[in-house]
Amino acid sequence: MYLLTKELVRHEEIFLIVPDYFDKQIDVKGIVKIRTGENKFSTFLSFINPLENLRLIKEIKKINPDLVHLFFGEGYPQMIFISLWLKLAKIPLVVTLHDPEIHPGNLIERINGILRIFTLKLASAVHIHSKIFKEKLEKLGIQKENIFIIPHGSFAPLFSPYKSGEIKKENNILFFGRIEKYKGLEYFVEAGLRIDGFKFVIAGPGKIPENLLKVIKENPQKFELKNKFLSYKEIAELFQKSKVCVLPYIQATQSSIPLISAYFNVPVVATKVGAFVEDVPLVNGVLVEPGNVDSLVKGIFEALNKKPVYPSEREFKNLVFEFLKMYCKVSGKVRDN
């Protein structure tokens, strides 16, 4: 959202409604903060507080927007309430649906997936990143003319200050990102046990199953674990040291990682799930069968001889015009330039 907003402000007047921990410096017309708590429970109480919802509606009234674009939290009770008000106030609402399919193994996501149906039904338009999910939305009753497909933008510019020619490649195979059940970490670990001469690096926050953690700790010559949140600088260094980035997911919608990996000239190996089937060939990566360690091992060796392609057309400075077209169509407004 931050990178897109940086480009949108060059063309339109933009107001942001963001959580109170948002600290990015950005030249918008105004910022409204959503009150959150110190933990998940207090944040939930804030989200269902009717006085907080009424405050946000009052702020939106002051702005008097031509359109509201919701990027996250479409299943939160707060957003359902505000979506209903927007519908009654005849203010168009665009919802970006990052995950048209619910990731397995996450109760909160499952609840969000049920509740968000109300927001999607109230929206004027739904934005998705890949055409492969369009049919799923139509089955929910979303009219095809209200579905807009704009691909996932590249987050690579966030890391550009830390791109350095002085960082040397190492024999690292990288698994990067928040650790979740659906990401198939067990297949990455099994591949690491089968391949000699490389360090298999696991980097990102999240709970690792005890059986996998035991294998990782018992094989320090094979694995390196960075089980924490990483800074942009740390992430950039990880990619620049790696020879292959592996996404062994058993289920997926889309991910920013293939584009980031290609930006750092690191070949990608990913499973044939979700939008990977579109995004991985785009960066000249390798697609493998999900849940198949033999296929993953073969893919890693194949990727070592691949030259990545970074599609700069996926940067938000280029995608912004697709968003502006969508806004014009949904709002019925005609831009002057």
C-alpha atoms as a PDB file:
ATOM      1  CA  MET A   1       0.000   0.000   0.000  1.00  0.00           C
ATOM      2  CA  TYR A   2       2.852   2.393   0.853  1.00  0.00           C
ATOM      3  CA  LEU A   3       4.600   2.071  -2.535  1.00  0.00           C
ATOM      4  CA  LEU A   4       1.327   2.452  -4.433  1.00  0.00           C
ATOM      5  CA  THR A   5       0.347   5.522  -2.414  1.00  0.00           C
ATOM      6  CA  LYS A   6       3.723   7.123  -3.172  1.00  0.00           C
ATOM      7  CA  GLU A   7       2.831   6.932  -6.853  1.00  0.00           C
ATOM      8  CA  LEU A   8      -0.864   7.845  -6.504  1.00  0.00           C
ATOM      9  CA  VAL A   9      -0.070  11.167  -4.826  1.00  0.00           C
ATOM     10  CA  ARG A  10       1.577  12.267  -8.078  1.00  0.00           C
ATOM     11  CA  HIS A  11      -1.807  12.090  -9.782  1.00  0.00           C
ATOM     12  CA  GLU A  12      -4.612  12.500  -7.222  1.00  0.00           C
ATOM     13  CA  GLU A  13      -5.381  13.861  -3.756  1.00  0.00           C
ATOM     14  CA  ILE A  14      -5.006  10.941  -1.363  1.00  0.00           C
ATOM     15  CA  PHE A  15      -6.069  10.509   2.256  1.00  0.00           C
ATOM     16  CA  LEU A  16      -4.889   7.518   4.286  1.00  0.00           C
ATOM     17  CA  ILE A  17      -6.724   5.656   7.028  1.00  0.00           C
ATOM     18  CA  VAL A  18      -4.082   3.513   8.709  1.00  0.00           C
ATOM     19  CA  PRO A  19      -3.316   1.765  12.024  1.00  0.00           C
ATOM     20  CA  ASP A  20      -1.874   4.047  14.686  1.00  0.00           C
ATOM     21  CA  TYR A  21       1.542   2.330  14.423  1.00  0.00           C
ATOM     22  CA  PHE A  22       1.950   3.448  10.766  1.00  0.00           C
ATOM     23  CA  ASP A  23       5.107   5.586  10.697  1.00  0.00           C
ATOM     24  CA  LYS A  24       5.971   6.042   7.015  1.00  0.00           C
ATOM     25  CA  GLN A  25       6.628   9.563   5.773  1.00  0.00           C
ATOM     26  CA  ILE A  26       4.382  10.190   2.793  1.00  0.00           C
ATOM     27  CA  ASP A  27       3.061  13.350   1.142  1.00  0.00           C
ATOM     28  CA  VAL A  28      -0.700  12.760   1.329  1.00  0.00           C
ATOM     29  CA  LYS A  29      -3.492  15.276   1.981  1.00  0.00           C
ATOM     30  CA  GLY A  30      -4.216  13.795   5.377  1.00  0.00           C
ATOM     31  CA  ILE A  31      -3.843  10.743   7.603  1.00  0.00           C
ATOM     32  CA  VAL A  32      -6.477   9.267   9.904  1.00  0.00           C
ATOM     33  CA  LYS A  33      -5.225   6.761  12.476  1.00  0.00           C
ATOM     34  CA  ILE A  34      -7.171   3.631  13.466  1.00  0.00           C
ATOM     35  CA  ARG A  35      -6.738   2.954  17.168  1.00  0.00           C
ATOM     36  CA  THR A  36      -5.214  -0.419  17.936  1.00  0.00           C
ATOM     37  CA  GLY A  37      -4.262  -2.020  21.229  1.00  0.00           C
ATOM     38  CA  GLU A  38      -1.098  -3.337  22.818  1.00  0.00           C
ATOM     39  CA  ASN A  39      -2.106  -6.923  22.063  1.00  0.00           C
ATOM     40  CA  LYS A  40      -4.486  -8.883  19.814  1.00  0.00           C
ATOM     41  CA  PHE A  41      -7.299  -8.883  22.385  1.00  0.00           C
ATOM     42  CA  SER A  42      -7.267  -5.118  22.990  1.00  0.00           C
ATOM     43  CA  THR A  43      -7.014  -4.534  19.241  1.00  0.00           C
ATOM     44  CA  PHE A  44     -10.071  -6.737  18.710  1.00  0.00           C
ATOM     45  CA  LEU A  45     -11.993  -4.740  21.341  1.00  0.00           C
ATOM     46  CA  SER A  46     -11.055  -1.535  19.524  1.00  0.00           C
ATOM     47  CA  PHE A  47     -12.272  -2.963  16.212  1.00  0.00           C
ATOM     48  CA  ILE A  48     -15.718  -3.818  17.613  1.00  0.00           C
ATOM     49  CA  ASN A  49     -16.070  -0.565  19.568  1.00  0.00           C
ATOM     50  CA  PRO A  50     -19.057   1.253  17.972  1.00  0.00           C
ATOM     51  CA  LEU A  51     -17.725   4.644  19.128  1.00  0.00           C
ATOM     52  CA  GLU A  52     -14.468   4.021  17.246  1.00  0.00           C
ATOM     53  CA  ASN A  53     -16.421   2.995  14.147  1.00  0.00           C
ATOM     54  CA  LEU A  54     -18.537   6.144  14.348  1.00  0.00           C
ATOM     55  CA  ARG A  55     -15.372   8.228  14.725  1.00  0.00           C
ATOM     56  CA  LEU A  56     -13.933   6.748  11.543  1.00  0.00           C
ATOM     57  CA  ILE A  57     -17.186   7.329   9.664  1.00  0.00           C
ATOM     58  CA  LYS A  58     -17.144  10.949  10.832  1.00  0.00           C
ATOM     59  CA  GLU A  59     -13.578  11.309   9.500  1.00  0.00           C
ATOM     60  CA  ILE A  60     -14.583   9.801   6.141  1.00  0.00           C
ATOM     61  CA  LYS A  61     -17.506  12.256   5.942  1.00  0.00           C
ATOM     62  CA  LYS A  62     -15.071  15.141   6.440  1.00  0.00           C
ATOM     63  CA  ILE A  63     -12.894  13.870   3.593  1.00  0.00           C
ATOM     64  CA  ASN A  64     -15.922  13.356   1.310  1.00  0.00           C
ATOM     65  CA  PRO A  65     -14.009  10.956  -0.976  1.00  0.00           C
ATOM     66  CA  ASP A  66     -14.883  10.034  -4.544  1.00  0.00           C
ATOM     67  CA  LEU A  67     -13.907   6.464  -3.654  1.00  0.00           C
ATOM     68  CA  VAL A  68     -12.556   4.364  -0.789  1.00  0.00           C
ATOM     69  CA  HIS A  69      -9.994   1.615  -1.418  1.00  0.00           C
ATOM     70  CA  LEU A  70      -9.697  -1.044   1.303  1.00  0.00           C
ATOM     71  CA  PHE A  71      -6.382  -2.909   1.190  1.00  0.00           C
ATOM     72  CA  PHE A  72      -6.484  -5.021   4.341  1.00  0.00           C
ATOM     73  CA  GLY A  73      -8.880  -6.282   6.979  1.00  0.00           C
ATOM     74  CA  GLU A  74     -11.887  -6.912   4.769  1.00  0.00           C
ATOM     75  CA  GLY A  75     -13.174  -9.502   7.274  1.00  0.00           C
ATOM     76  CA  TYR A  76     -12.802  -7.352  10.391  1.00  0.00           C
ATOM     77  CA  PRO A  77     -16.149  -6.494  12.045  1.00  0.00           C
ATOM     78  CA  GLN A  78     -15.148  -2.831  11.901  1.00  0.00           C
ATOM     79  CA  MET A  79     -14.702  -2.946   8.138  1.00  0.00           C
ATOM     80  CA  ILE A  80     -18.013  -4.716   7.590  1.00  0.00           C
ATOM     81  CA  PHE A  81     -19.784  -1.941   9.520  1.00  0.00           C
ATOM     82  CA  ILE A  82     -17.994   0.806   7.581  1.00  0.00           C
ATOM     83  CA  SER A  83     -18.617  -0.966   4.254  1.00  0.00           C
ATOM     84  CA  LEU A  84     -22.336  -0.987   5.013  1.00  0.00           C
ATOM     85  CA  TRP A  85     -22.264   2.730   5.777  1.00  0.00           C
ATOM     86  CA  LEU A  86     -20.360   3.449   2.532  1.00  0.00           C
ATOM     87  CA  LYS A  87     -23.013   1.530   0.603  1.00  0.00           C
ATOM     88  CA  LEU A  88     -25.801   3.577   2.208  1.00  0.00           C
ATOM     89  CA  ALA A  89     -23.842   6.807   1.655  1.00  0.00           C
ATOM     90  CA  LYS A  90     -23.331   5.843  -2.024  1.00  0.00           C
ATOM     91  CA  ILE A  91     -19.552   6.132  -1.752  1.00  0.00           C
ATOM     92  CA  PRO A  92     -17.892   3.526  -4.019  1.00  0.00           C
ATOM     93  CA  LEU A  93     -15.744   0.937  -2.265  1.00  0.00           C
ATOM     94  CA  VAL A  94     -12.922  -1.039  -3.897  1.00  0.00           C
ATOM     95  CA  VAL A  95     -11.613  -4.037  -1.944  1.00  0.00           C
ATOM     96  CA  THR A  96      -8.217  -5.563  -2.703  1.00  0.00           C
ATOM     97  CA  LEU A  97      -8.466  -9.286  -1.999  1.00  0.00           C
ATOM     98  CA  HIS A  98      -4.937 -10.530  -1.443  1.00  0.00           C
ATOM     99  CA  ASP A  99      -5.912 -14.099  -0.621  1.00  0.00           C
ATOM    100  CA  PRO A 100      -8.967 -15.304  -2.563  1.00  0.00           C
ATOM    101  CA  GLU A 101      -8.253 -18.751  -1.123  1.00  0.00           C
ATOM    102  CA  ILE A 102      -7.910 -19.157   2.639  1.00  0.00           C
ATOM    103  CA  HIS A 103      -4.537 -20.503   3.753  1.00  0.00           C
ATOM    104  CA  PRO A 104      -4.866 -23.750   5.738  1.00  0.00           C
ATOM    105  CA  GLY A 105      -3.781 -24.017   9.365  1.00  0.00           C
ATOM    106  CA  ASN A 106      -4.762 -20.493  10.462  1.00  0.00           C
ATOM    107  CA  LEU A 107      -7.974 -20.093  12.486  1.00  0.00           C
ATOM    108  CA  ILE A 108      -7.980 -16.284  12.331  1.00  0.00           C
ATOM    109  CA  GLU A 109      -7.699 -16.374   8.540  1.00  0.00           C
ATOM    110  CA  ARG A 110     -10.544 -18.873   8.369  1.00  0.00           C
ATOM    111  CA  ILE A 111     -12.806 -16.605  10.440  1.00  0.00           C
ATOM    112  CA  ASN A 112     -11.739 -13.612   8.333  1.00  0.00           C
ATOM    113  CA  GLY A 113     -12.551 -15.610   5.197  1.00  0.00           C
ATOM    114  CA  ILE A 114     -16.110 -16.165   6.373  1.00  0.00           C
ATOM    115  CA  LEU A 115     -16.790 -12.615   7.570  1.00  0.00           C
ATOM    116  CA  ARG A 116     -15.238 -10.912   4.549  1.00  0.00           C
ATOM    117  CA  ILE A 117     -18.028 -12.235   2.306  1.00  0.00           C
ATOM    118  CA  PHE A 118     -20.237  -9.468   3.707  1.00  0.00           C
ATOM    119  CA  THR A 119     -17.676  -6.782   2.762  1.00  0.00           C
ATOM    120  CA  LEU A 120     -17.182  -8.240  -0.721  1.00  0.00           C
ATOM    121  CA  LYS A 121     -20.936  -8.239  -1.336  1.00  0.00           C
ATOM    122  CA  LEU A 122     -21.137  -4.583  -0.266  1.00  0.00           C
ATOM    123  CA  ALA A 123     -18.154  -3.483  -2.398  1.00  0.00           C
ATOM    124  CA  SER A 124     -18.516  -1.681  -5.716  1.00  0.00           C
ATOM    125  CA  ALA A 125     -15.504  -3.551  -7.067  1.00  0.00           C
ATOM    126  CA  VAL A 126     -13.029  -6.251  -6.032  1.00  0.00           C
ATOM    127  CA  HIS A 127      -9.383  -6.106  -7.068  1.00  0.00           C
ATOM    128  CA  ILE A 128      -7.403  -9.355  -7.342  1.00  0.00           C
ATOM    129  CA  HIS A 129      -3.837 -10.007  -8.483  1.00  0.00           C
ATOM    130  CA  SER A 130      -4.365 -12.942 -10.819  1.00  0.00           C
ATOM    131  CA  LYS A 131      -7.000 -14.048 -13.322  1.00  0.00           C
ATOM    132  CA  ILE A 132      -6.861 -17.593 -11.947  1.00  0.00           C
ATOM    133  CA  PHE A 133      -9.016 -16.474  -8.999  1.00  0.00           C
ATOM    134  CA  LYS A 134     -11.693 -14.660 -11.005  1.00  0.00           C
ATOM    135  CA  GLU A 135     -13.986 -17.680 -11.247  1.00  0.00           C
ATOM    136  CA  LYS A 136     -13.864 -18.143  -7.471  1.00  0.00           C
ATOM    137  CA  LEU A 137     -15.187 -14.592  -6.985  1.00  0.00           C
ATOM    138  CA  GLU A 138     -17.925 -15.106  -9.547  1.00  0.00           C
ATOM    139  CA  LYS A 139     -19.075 -18.147  -7.578  1.00  0.00           C
ATOM    140  CA  LEU A 140     -19.444 -15.870  -4.549  1.00  0.00           C
ATOM    141  CA  GLY A 141     -21.846 -13.746  -6.567  1.00  0.00           C
ATOM    142  CA  ILE A 142     -19.430 -10.952  -7.530  1.00  0.00           C
ATOM    143  CA  GLN A 143     -20.356  -9.688 -10.985  1.00  0.00           C
ATOM    144  CA  LYS A 144     -17.547 -10.173 -13.526  1.00  0.00           C
ATOM    145  CA  GLU A 145     -17.675  -6.497 -14.557  1.00  0.00           C
ATOM    146  CA  ASN A 146     -16.909  -5.595 -10.919  1.00  0.00           C
ATOM    147  CA  ILE A 147     -13.762  -7.726 -10.783  1.00  0.00           C
ATOM    148  CA  PHE A 148     -10.500  -5.976 -11.688  1.00  0.00           C
ATOM    149  CA  ILE A 149      -7.213  -7.808 -12.219  1.00  0.00           C
ATOM    150  CA  ILE A 150      -4.043  -5.835 -11.547  1.00  0.00           C
ATOM    151  CA  PRO A 151      -0.945  -7.969 -10.843  1.00  0.00           C
ATOM    152  CA  HIS A 152       0.971  -7.976  -7.598  1.00  0.00           C
ATOM    153  CA  GLY A 153       3.334  -5.032  -7.524  1.00  0.00           C
ATOM    154  CA  SER A 154       7.031  -5.282  -6.789  1.00  0.00           C
ATOM    155  CA  PHE A 155       8.280  -4.431  -3.290  1.00  0.00           C
ATOM    156  CA  ALA A 156      11.872  -4.566  -4.531  1.00  0.00           C
ATOM    157  CA  PRO A 157      12.360  -0.750  -4.479  1.00  0.00           C
ATOM    158  CA  LEU A 158      12.090  -0.920  -0.675  1.00  0.00           C
ATOM    159  CA  PHE A 159      15.393  -2.805  -0.668  1.00  0.00           C
ATOM    160  CA  SER A 160      17.260  -0.745  -3.261  1.00  0.00           C
ATOM    161  CA  PRO A 161      19.251   1.297  -0.675  1.00  0.00           C
ATOM    162  CA  TYR A 162      20.803  -1.946   0.523  1.00  0.00           C
ATOM    163  CA  LYS A 163      21.756  -3.433  -2.836  1.00  0.00           C
ATOM    164  CA  SER A 164      25.528  -3.682  -2.929  1.00  0.00           C
ATOM    165  CA  GLY A 165      28.097  -5.084  -5.303  1.00  0.00           C
ATOM    166  CA  GLU A 166      30.384  -5.759  -2.341  1.00  0.00           C
ATOM    167  CA  ILE A 167      28.274  -8.599  -0.922  1.00  0.00           C
ATOM    168  CA  LYS A 168      29.589 -11.912  -2.213  1.00  0.00           C
ATOM    169  CA  LYS A 169      27.472 -14.901  -3.153  1.00  0.00           C
ATOM    170  CA  GLU A 170      27.662 -17.881  -0.847  1.00  0.00           C
ATOM    171  CA  ASN A 171      26.457 -21.442  -1.332  1.00  0.00           C
ATOM    172  CA  ASN A 172      23.115 -20.587   0.257  1.00  0.00           C
ATOM    173  CA  ILE A 173      19.679 -21.908  -0.650  1.00  0.00           C
ATOM    174  CA  LEU A 174      17.080 -19.572   0.848  1.00  0.00           C
ATOM    175  CA  PHE A 175      13.646 -20.089   2.385  1.00  0.00           C
ATOM    176  CA  PHE A 176      12.362 -16.625   3.284  1.00  0.00           C
ATOM    177  CA  GLY A 177       9.147 -15.309   4.807  1.00  0.00           C
ATOM    178  CA  ARG A 178       6.773 -15.765   7.703  1.00  0.00           C
ATOM    179  CA  ILE A 179       6.695 -19.436   8.624  1.00  0.00           C
ATOM    180  CA  GLU A 180       3.212 -20.882   8.175  1.00  0.00           C
ATOM    181  CA  LYS A 181       1.924 -24.438   7.813  1.00  0.00           C
ATOM    182  CA  TYR A 182       0.978 -24.003   4.141  1.00  0.00           C
ATOM    183  CA  LYS A 183       4.479 -22.938   3.101  1.00  0.00           C
ATOM    184  CA  GLY A 184       5.872 -26.473   3.076  1.00  0.00           C
ATOM    185  CA  LEU A 185       8.971 -25.911   5.212  1.00  0.00           C
ATOM    186  CA  GLU A 186       9.218 -29.678   5.790  1.00  0.00           C
ATOM    187  CA  TYR A 187       9.950 -30.197   2.077  1.00  0.00           C
ATOM    188  CA  PHE A 188      12.691 -27.562   2.152  1.00  0.00           C
ATOM    189  CA  VAL A 189      14.297 -29.285   5.146  1.00  0.00           C
ATOM    190  CA  GLU A 190      14.089 -32.698   3.467  1.00  0.00           C
ATOM    191  CA  ALA A 191      15.681 -31.262   0.312  1.00  0.00           C
ATOM    192  CA  GLY A 192      18.466 -29.820   2.462  1.00  0.00           C
ATOM    193  CA  LEU A 193      19.210 -33.258   3.895  1.00  0.00           C
ATOM    194  CA  ARG A 194      19.530 -34.677   0.368  1.00  0.00           C
ATOM    195  CA  ILE A 195      21.785 -31.988  -1.146  1.00  0.00           C
ATOM    196  CA  ASP A 196      25.433 -31.609  -0.133  1.00  0.00           C
ATOM    197  CA  GLY A 197      27.656 -28.569  -0.516  1.00  0.00           C
ATOM    198  CA  PHE A 198      25.018 -25.929   0.268  1.00  0.00           C
ATOM    199  CA  LYS A 199      23.738 -24.172   3.366  1.00  0.00           C
ATOM    200  CA  PHE A 200      19.950 -24.157   3.572  1.00  0.00           C
ATOM    201  CA  VAL A 201      18.949 -20.856   5.190  1.00  0.00           C
ATOM    202  CA  ILE A 202      15.542 -20.490   6.867  1.00  0.00           C
ATOM    203  CA  ALA A 203      14.736 -16.849   7.558  1.00  0.00           C
ATOM    204  CA  GLY A 204      11.564 -15.356   8.960  1.00  0.00           C
ATOM    205  CA  PRO A 205       9.306 -15.220  12.020  1.00  0.00           C
ATOM    206  CA  GLY A 206       6.802 -17.883  13.008  1.00  0.00           C
ATOM    207  CA  LYS A 207       6.543 -21.138  14.927  1.00  0.00           C
ATOM    208  CA  ILE A 208       8.579 -24.048  13.573  1.00  0.00           C
ATOM    209  CA  PRO A 209       7.240 -27.558  14.356  1.00  0.00           C
ATOM    210  CA  GLU A 210       9.343 -29.321  16.999  1.00  0.00           C
ATOM    211  CA  ASN A 211      10.254 -32.244  14.723  1.00  0.00           C
ATOM    212  CA  LEU A 212      11.664 -29.882  12.082  1.00  0.00           C
ATOM    213  CA  LEU A 213      13.426 -27.747  14.673  1.00  0.00           C
ATOM    214  CA  LYS A 214      15.138 -30.876  16.004  1.00  0.00           C
ATOM    215  CA  VAL A 215      16.403 -31.815  12.527  1.00  0.00           C
ATOM    216  CA  ILE A 216      17.642 -28.268  11.890  1.00  0.00           C
ATOM    217  CA  LYS A 217      19.535 -28.094  15.191  1.00  0.00           C
ATOM    218  CA  GLU A 218      21.032 -31.563  14.723  1.00  0.00           C
ATOM    219  CA  ASN A 219      22.464 -30.591  11.315  1.00  0.00           C
ATOM    220  CA  PRO A 220      24.214 -27.209  11.762  1.00  0.00           C
ATOM    221  CA  GLN A 221      26.442 -27.937   8.768  1.00  0.00           C
ATOM    222  CA  LYS A 222      23.306 -28.140   6.598  1.00  0.00           C
ATOM    223  CA  PHE A 223      21.017 -25.482   8.020  1.00  0.00           C
ATOM    224  CA  GLU A 224      21.120 -21.897   9.238  1.00  0.00           C
ATOM    225  CA  LEU A 225      18.092 -20.561  11.116  1.00  0.00           C
ATOM    226  CA  LYS A 226      17.081 -16.892  11.491  1.00  0.00           C
ATOM    227  CA  ASN A 227      13.684 -17.325  13.163  1.00  0.00           C
ATOM    228  CA  LYS A 228      12.796 -13.641  13.640  1.00  0.00           C
ATOM    229  CA  PHE A 229      11.566 -10.471  11.977  1.00  0.00           C
ATOM    230  CA  LEU A 230      14.265  -9.107   9.689  1.00  0.00           C
ATOM    231  CA  SER A 231      15.075  -5.542   8.693  1.00  0.00           C
ATOM    232  CA  TYR A 232      15.158  -4.441   5.046  1.00  0.00           C
ATOM    233  CA  LYS A 233      18.940  -4.397   5.273  1.00  0.00           C
ATOM    234  CA  GLU A 234      19.065  -7.957   6.641  1.00  0.00           C
ATOM    235  CA  ILE A 235      16.659  -9.207   3.968  1.00  0.00           C
ATOM    236  CA  ALA A 236      18.692  -7.575   1.200  1.00  0.00           C
ATOM    237  CA  GLU A 237      21.868  -9.194   2.508  1.00  0.00           C
ATOM    238  CA  LEU A 238      20.194 -12.616   2.663  1.00  0.00           C
ATOM    239  CA  PHE A 239      19.121 -12.488  -0.964  1.00  0.00           C
ATOM    240  CA  GLN A 240      22.466 -11.158  -2.190  1.00  0.00           C
ATOM    241  CA  LYS A 241      24.272 -14.027  -0.505  1.00  0.00           C
ATOM    242  CA  SER A 242      21.909 -16.686  -1.881  1.00  0.00           C
ATOM    243  CA  LYS A 243      22.137 -18.716  -5.063  1.00  0.00           C
ATOM    244  CA  VAL A 244      18.530 -19.941  -5.155  1.00  0.00           C
ATOM    245  CA  CYS A 245      15.306 -18.912  -3.422  1.00  0.00           C
ATOM    246  CA  VAL A 246      12.845 -21.746  -2.734  1.00  0.00           C
ATOM    247  CA  LEU A 247       9.071 -21.479  -2.247  1.00  0.00           C
ATOM    248  CA  PRO A 248       7.925 -25.064  -1.537  1.00  0.00           C
ATOM    249  CA  TYR A 249       4.343 -24.051  -0.677  1.00  0.00           C
ATOM    250  CA  ILE A 250       1.583 -26.652  -0.615  1.00  0.00           C
ATOM    251  CA  GLN A 251      -0.982 -23.869  -1.184  1.00  0.00           C
ATOM    252  CA  ALA A 252      -0.659 -20.246  -2.236  1.00  0.00           C
ATOM    253  CA  THR A 253      -2.394 -17.234  -3.638  1.00  0.00           C
ATOM    254  CA  GLN A 254       0.446 -14.916  -4.581  1.00  0.00           C
ATOM    255  CA  SER A 255       3.661 -13.632  -3.090  1.00  0.00           C
ATOM    256  CA  SER A 256       6.017 -10.682  -3.387  1.00  0.00           C
ATOM    257  CA  ILE A 257       9.046 -12.971  -3.038  1.00  0.00           C
ATOM    258  CA  PRO A 258       9.580 -14.015  -6.692  1.00  0.00           C
ATOM    259  CA  LEU A 259       9.914 -10.371  -7.748  1.00  0.00           C
ATOM    260  CA  ILE A 260      12.226  -9.514  -4.846  1.00  0.00           C
ATOM    261  CA  SER A 261      14.363 -12.544  -5.597  1.00  0.00           C
ATOM    262  CA  ALA A 262      14.656 -11.669  -9.293  1.00  0.00           C
ATOM    263  CA  TYR A 263      15.566  -8.077  -8.358  1.00  0.00           C
ATOM    264  CA  PHE A 264      18.567  -9.451  -6.477  1.00  0.00           C
ATOM    265  CA  ASN A 265      19.436 -11.781  -9.385  1.00  0.00           C
ATOM    266  CA  VAL A 266      18.480 -14.904  -7.438  1.00  0.00           C
ATOM    267  CA  PRO A 267      16.711 -17.725  -9.345  1.00  0.00           C
ATOM    268  CA  VAL A 268      13.383 -18.889  -7.938  1.00  0.00           C
ATOM    269  CA  VAL A 269      12.051 -22.421  -7.434  1.00  0.00           C
ATOM    270  CA  ALA A 270       8.363 -22.592  -6.529  1.00  0.00           C
ATOM    271  CA  THR A 271       5.544 -25.108  -6.569  1.00  0.00           C
ATOM    272  CA  LYS A 272       2.751 -25.097  -9.134  1.00  0.00           C
ATOM    273  CA  VAL A 273       0.174 -23.507  -6.839  1.00  0.00           C
ATOM    274  CA  GLY A 274      -1.795 -20.247  -6.891  1.00  0.00           C
ATOM    275  CA  ALA A 275      -0.420 -17.346  -8.889  1.00  0.00           C
ATOM    276  CA  PHE A 276       3.063 -18.887  -8.837  1.00  0.00           C
ATOM    277  CA  VAL A 277       2.073 -20.510 -12.135  1.00  0.00           C
ATOM    278  CA  GLU A 278       2.034 -17.005 -13.645  1.00  0.00           C
ATOM    279  CA  ASP A 279       4.645 -15.150 -11.612  1.00  0.00           C
ATOM    280  CA  VAL A 280       7.491 -17.678 -11.520  1.00  0.00           C
ATOM    281  CA  PRO A 281       7.807 -18.098 -15.330  1.00  0.00           C
ATOM    282  CA  LEU A 282       7.711 -14.279 -15.532  1.00  0.00           C
ATOM    283  CA  VAL A 283      11.012 -14.124 -13.630  1.00  0.00           C
ATOM    284  CA  ASN A 284      12.431 -17.147 -15.522  1.00  0.00           C
ATOM    285  CA  GLY A 285      12.097 -19.358 -12.473  1.00  0.00           C
ATOM    286  CA  VAL A 286      11.435 -23.077 -12.093  1.00  0.00           C
ATOM    287  CA  LEU A 287       8.068 -24.614 -11.234  1.00  0.00           C
ATOM    288  CA  VAL A 288       7.936 -27.950  -9.405  1.00  0.00           C
ATOM    289  CA  GLU A 289       5.270 -30.299  -8.106  1.00  0.00           C
ATOM    290  CA  PRO A 290       3.889 -29.452  -4.643  1.00  0.00           C
ATOM    291  CA  GLY A 291       4.587 -31.919  -1.851  1.00  0.00           C
ATOM    292  CA  ASN A 292       7.236 -33.720  -3.926  1.00  0.00           C
ATOM    293  CA  VAL A 293      10.799 -33.600  -2.574  1.00  0.00           C
ATOM    294  CA  ASP A 294      12.274 -35.324  -5.655  1.00  0.00           C
ATOM    295  CA  SER A 295      10.781 -32.632  -7.879  1.00  0.00           C
ATOM    296  CA  LEU A 296      12.013 -29.903  -5.508  1.00  0.00           C
ATOM    297  CA  VAL A 297      15.590 -31.226  -5.455  1.00  0.00           C
ATOM    298  CA  LYS A 298      15.628 -31.448  -9.255  1.00  0.00           C
ATOM    299  CA  GLY A 299      14.229 -27.912  -9.474  1.00  0.00           C
ATOM    300  CA  ILE A 300      16.934 -26.496  -7.215  1.00  0.00           C
ATOM    301  CA  PHE A 301      19.696 -27.895  -9.417  1.00  0.00           C
ATOM    302  CA  GLU A 302      17.891 -26.617 -12.515  1.00  0.00           C
ATOM    303  CA  ALA A 303      17.552 -23.148 -10.987  1.00  0.00           C
ATOM    304  CA  LEU A 304      21.297 -22.923 -10.315  1.00  0.00           C
ATOM    305  CA  ASN A 305      21.766 -22.567 -14.089  1.00  0.00           C
ATOM    306  CA  LYS A 306      18.936 -20.059 -14.593  1.00  0.00           C
ATOM    307  CA  LYS A 307      19.352 -16.330 -15.183  1.00  0.00           C
ATOM    308  CA  PRO A 308      16.557 -14.409 -13.440  1.00  0.00           C
ATOM    309  CA  VAL A 309      14.542 -11.741 -15.235  1.00  0.00           C
ATOM    310  CA  TYR A 310      13.269  -8.796 -13.205  1.00  0.00           C
ATOM    311  CA  PRO A 311      10.059  -7.387 -14.749  1.00  0.00           C
ATOM    312  CA  SER A 312      10.309  -3.656 -13.989  1.00  0.00           C
ATOM    313  CA  GLU A 313       6.805  -3.195 -15.416  1.00  0.00           C
ATOM    314  CA  ARG A 314       5.588  -4.675 -12.128  1.00  0.00           C
ATOM    315  CA  GLU A 315       6.856  -1.671 -10.162  1.00  0.00           C
ATOM    316  CA  PHE A 316       4.129   0.613  -8.842  1.00  0.00           C
ATOM    317  CA  LYS A 317       5.347   3.577 -10.877  1.00  0.00           C
ATOM    318  CA  ASN A 318       4.030   1.617 -13.872  1.00  0.00           C
ATOM    319  CA  LEU A 319       1.077  -0.210 -12.271  1.00  0.00           C
ATOM    320  CA  VAL A 320      -0.327   3.044 -10.858  1.00  0.00           C
ATOM    321  CA  PHE A 321      -2.021   3.816 -14.176  1.00  0.00           C
ATOM    322  CA  GLU A 322      -3.980   0.559 -13.994  1.00  0.00           C
ATOM    323  CA  PHE A 323      -5.222   1.546 -10.551  1.00  0.00           C
ATOM    324  CA  LEU A 324      -6.215   5.002 -11.793  1.00  0.00           C
ATOM    325  CA  LYS A 325      -8.204   3.436 -14.645  1.00  0.00           C
ATOM    326  CA  MET A 326      -9.986   1.208 -12.141  1.00  0.00           C
ATOM    327  CA  TYR A 327     -10.806   4.154  -9.865  1.00  0.00           C
ATOM    328  CA  CYS A 328     -12.227   6.161 -12.759  1.00  0.00           C
ATOM    329  CA  LYS A 329     -14.438   3.307 -13.900  1.00  0.00           C
ATOM    330  CA  VAL A 330     -15.731   2.531 -10.410  1.00  0.00           C
ATOM    331  CA  SER A 331     -16.311   6.133  -9.353  1.00  0.00           C
ATOM    332  CA  GLY A 332     -17.600   7.374 -12.702  1.00  0.00           C
ATOM    333  CA  LYS A 333     -15.170  10.290 -12.498  1.00  0.00           C
ATOM    334  CA  VAL A 334     -13.075  11.416 -15.462  1.00  0.00           C
ATOM    335  CA  ARG A 335      -9.489  12.458 -14.775  1.00  0.00           C
ATOM    336  CA  ASP A 336      -8.211  15.712 -16.260  1.00  0.00           C
ATOM    337  CA  ASN A 337      -4.811  14.225 -17.115  1.00  0.00           C
END
